[in-house]
Amino acid sequence: MDILYLLVPLSVVLVLAITGLLAWAVSTGQFDDIEREGQRILLDDTEP
């Protein structure tokens, strides 16, 4: 039972950290244009 006093606050901190990282990624534009990045690896960058 004593372990719950440790695990519950740790899980709350973990959820808040994940939520904060997701909010940061969305606010900095990490998910703005995901289709272009998927197609970028298919293009040939070398000049002939």
C-alpha atoms as a PDB file:
ATOM      1  CA  MET A   1       0.000   0.000   0.000  1.00  0.00           C
ATOM      2  CA  ASP A   2       2.881   2.360   0.691  1.00  0.00           C
ATOM      3  CA  ILE A   3       4.110   2.046  -2.882  1.00  0.00           C
ATOM      4  CA  LEU A   4       0.935   3.750  -4.095  1.00  0.00           C
ATOM      5  CA  TYR A   5       2.046   6.942  -2.351  1.00  0.00           C
ATOM      6  CA  LEU A   6       5.031   6.911  -4.691  1.00  0.00           C
ATOM      7  CA  LEU A   7       3.523   5.535  -7.887  1.00  0.00           C
ATOM      8  CA  VAL A   8       0.454   7.776  -8.102  1.00  0.00           C
ATOM      9  CA  PRO A   9       2.384  11.083  -7.975  1.00  0.00           C
ATOM     10  CA  LEU A  10       5.004   9.695 -10.368  1.00  0.00           C
ATOM     11  CA  SER A  11       2.341   8.710 -12.870  1.00  0.00           C
ATOM     12  CA  VAL A  12       0.725  12.148 -12.607  1.00  0.00           C
ATOM     13  CA  VAL A  13       4.098  13.805 -13.237  1.00  0.00           C
ATOM     14  CA  LEU A  14       4.697  11.509 -16.209  1.00  0.00           C
ATOM     15  CA  VAL A  15       1.308  12.343 -17.737  1.00  0.00           C
ATOM     16  CA  LEU A  16       1.936  16.073 -17.259  1.00  0.00           C
ATOM     17  CA  ALA A  17       5.382  15.779 -18.863  1.00  0.00           C
ATOM     18  CA  ILE A  18       4.009  13.911 -21.882  1.00  0.00           C
ATOM     19  CA  THR A  19       1.191  16.435 -22.241  1.00  0.00           C
ATOM     20  CA  GLY A  20       3.667  19.295 -22.025  1.00  0.00           C
ATOM     21  CA  LEU A  21       5.931  17.762 -24.666  1.00  0.00           C
ATOM     22  CA  LEU A  22       2.990  17.193 -26.990  1.00  0.00           C
ATOM     23  CA  ALA A  23       1.785  20.777 -26.505  1.00  0.00           C
ATOM     24  CA  TRP A  24       5.311  22.056 -27.203  1.00  0.00           C
ATOM     25  CA  ALA A  25       5.583  19.979 -30.383  1.00  0.00           C
ATOM     26  CA  VAL A  26       2.228  21.225 -31.653  1.00  0.00           C
ATOM     27  CA  SER A  27       2.982  24.870 -30.842  1.00  0.00           C
ATOM     28  CA  THR A  28       6.377  24.808 -32.572  1.00  0.00           C
ATOM     29  CA  GLY A  29       4.926  23.386 -35.785  1.00  0.00           C
ATOM     30  CA  GLN A  30       6.271  19.854 -35.672  1.00  0.00           C
ATOM     31  CA  PHE A  31       3.054  18.491 -37.202  1.00  0.00           C
ATOM     32  CA  ASP A  32       2.350  21.203 -39.784  1.00  0.00           C
ATOM     33  CA  ASP A  33       3.335  19.431 -43.005  1.00  0.00           C
ATOM     34  CA  ILE A  34       3.834  15.732 -42.424  1.00  0.00           C
ATOM     35  CA  GLU A  35       2.991  14.659 -45.985  1.00  0.00           C
ATOM     36  CA  ARG A  36       5.896  16.591 -47.522  1.00  0.00           C
ATOM     37  CA  GLU A  37       8.388  14.951 -45.159  1.00  0.00           C
ATOM     38  CA  GLY A  38       7.096  11.526 -46.106  1.00  0.00           C
ATOM     39  CA  GLN A  39       7.581  12.277 -49.809  1.00  0.00           C
ATOM     40  CA  ARG A  40      10.949  13.985 -49.363  1.00  0.00           C
ATOM     41  CA  ILE A  41      12.799  10.680 -49.004  1.00  0.00           C
ATOM     42  CA  LEU A  42      11.462   9.540 -52.369  1.00  0.00           C
ATOM     43  CA  LEU A  43      12.955  12.482 -54.276  1.00  0.00           C
ATOM     44  CA  ASP A  44      16.450  12.341 -55.733  1.00  0.00           C
ATOM     45  CA  ASP A  45      18.601  15.167 -54.336  1.00  0.00           C
ATOM     46  CA  THR A  46      21.724  14.502 -56.377  1.00  0.00           C
ATOM     47  CA  GLU A  47      22.402  16.619 -59.453  1.00  0.00           C
ATOM     48  CA  PRO A  48      23.231  14.637 -62.643  1.00  0.00           C
END
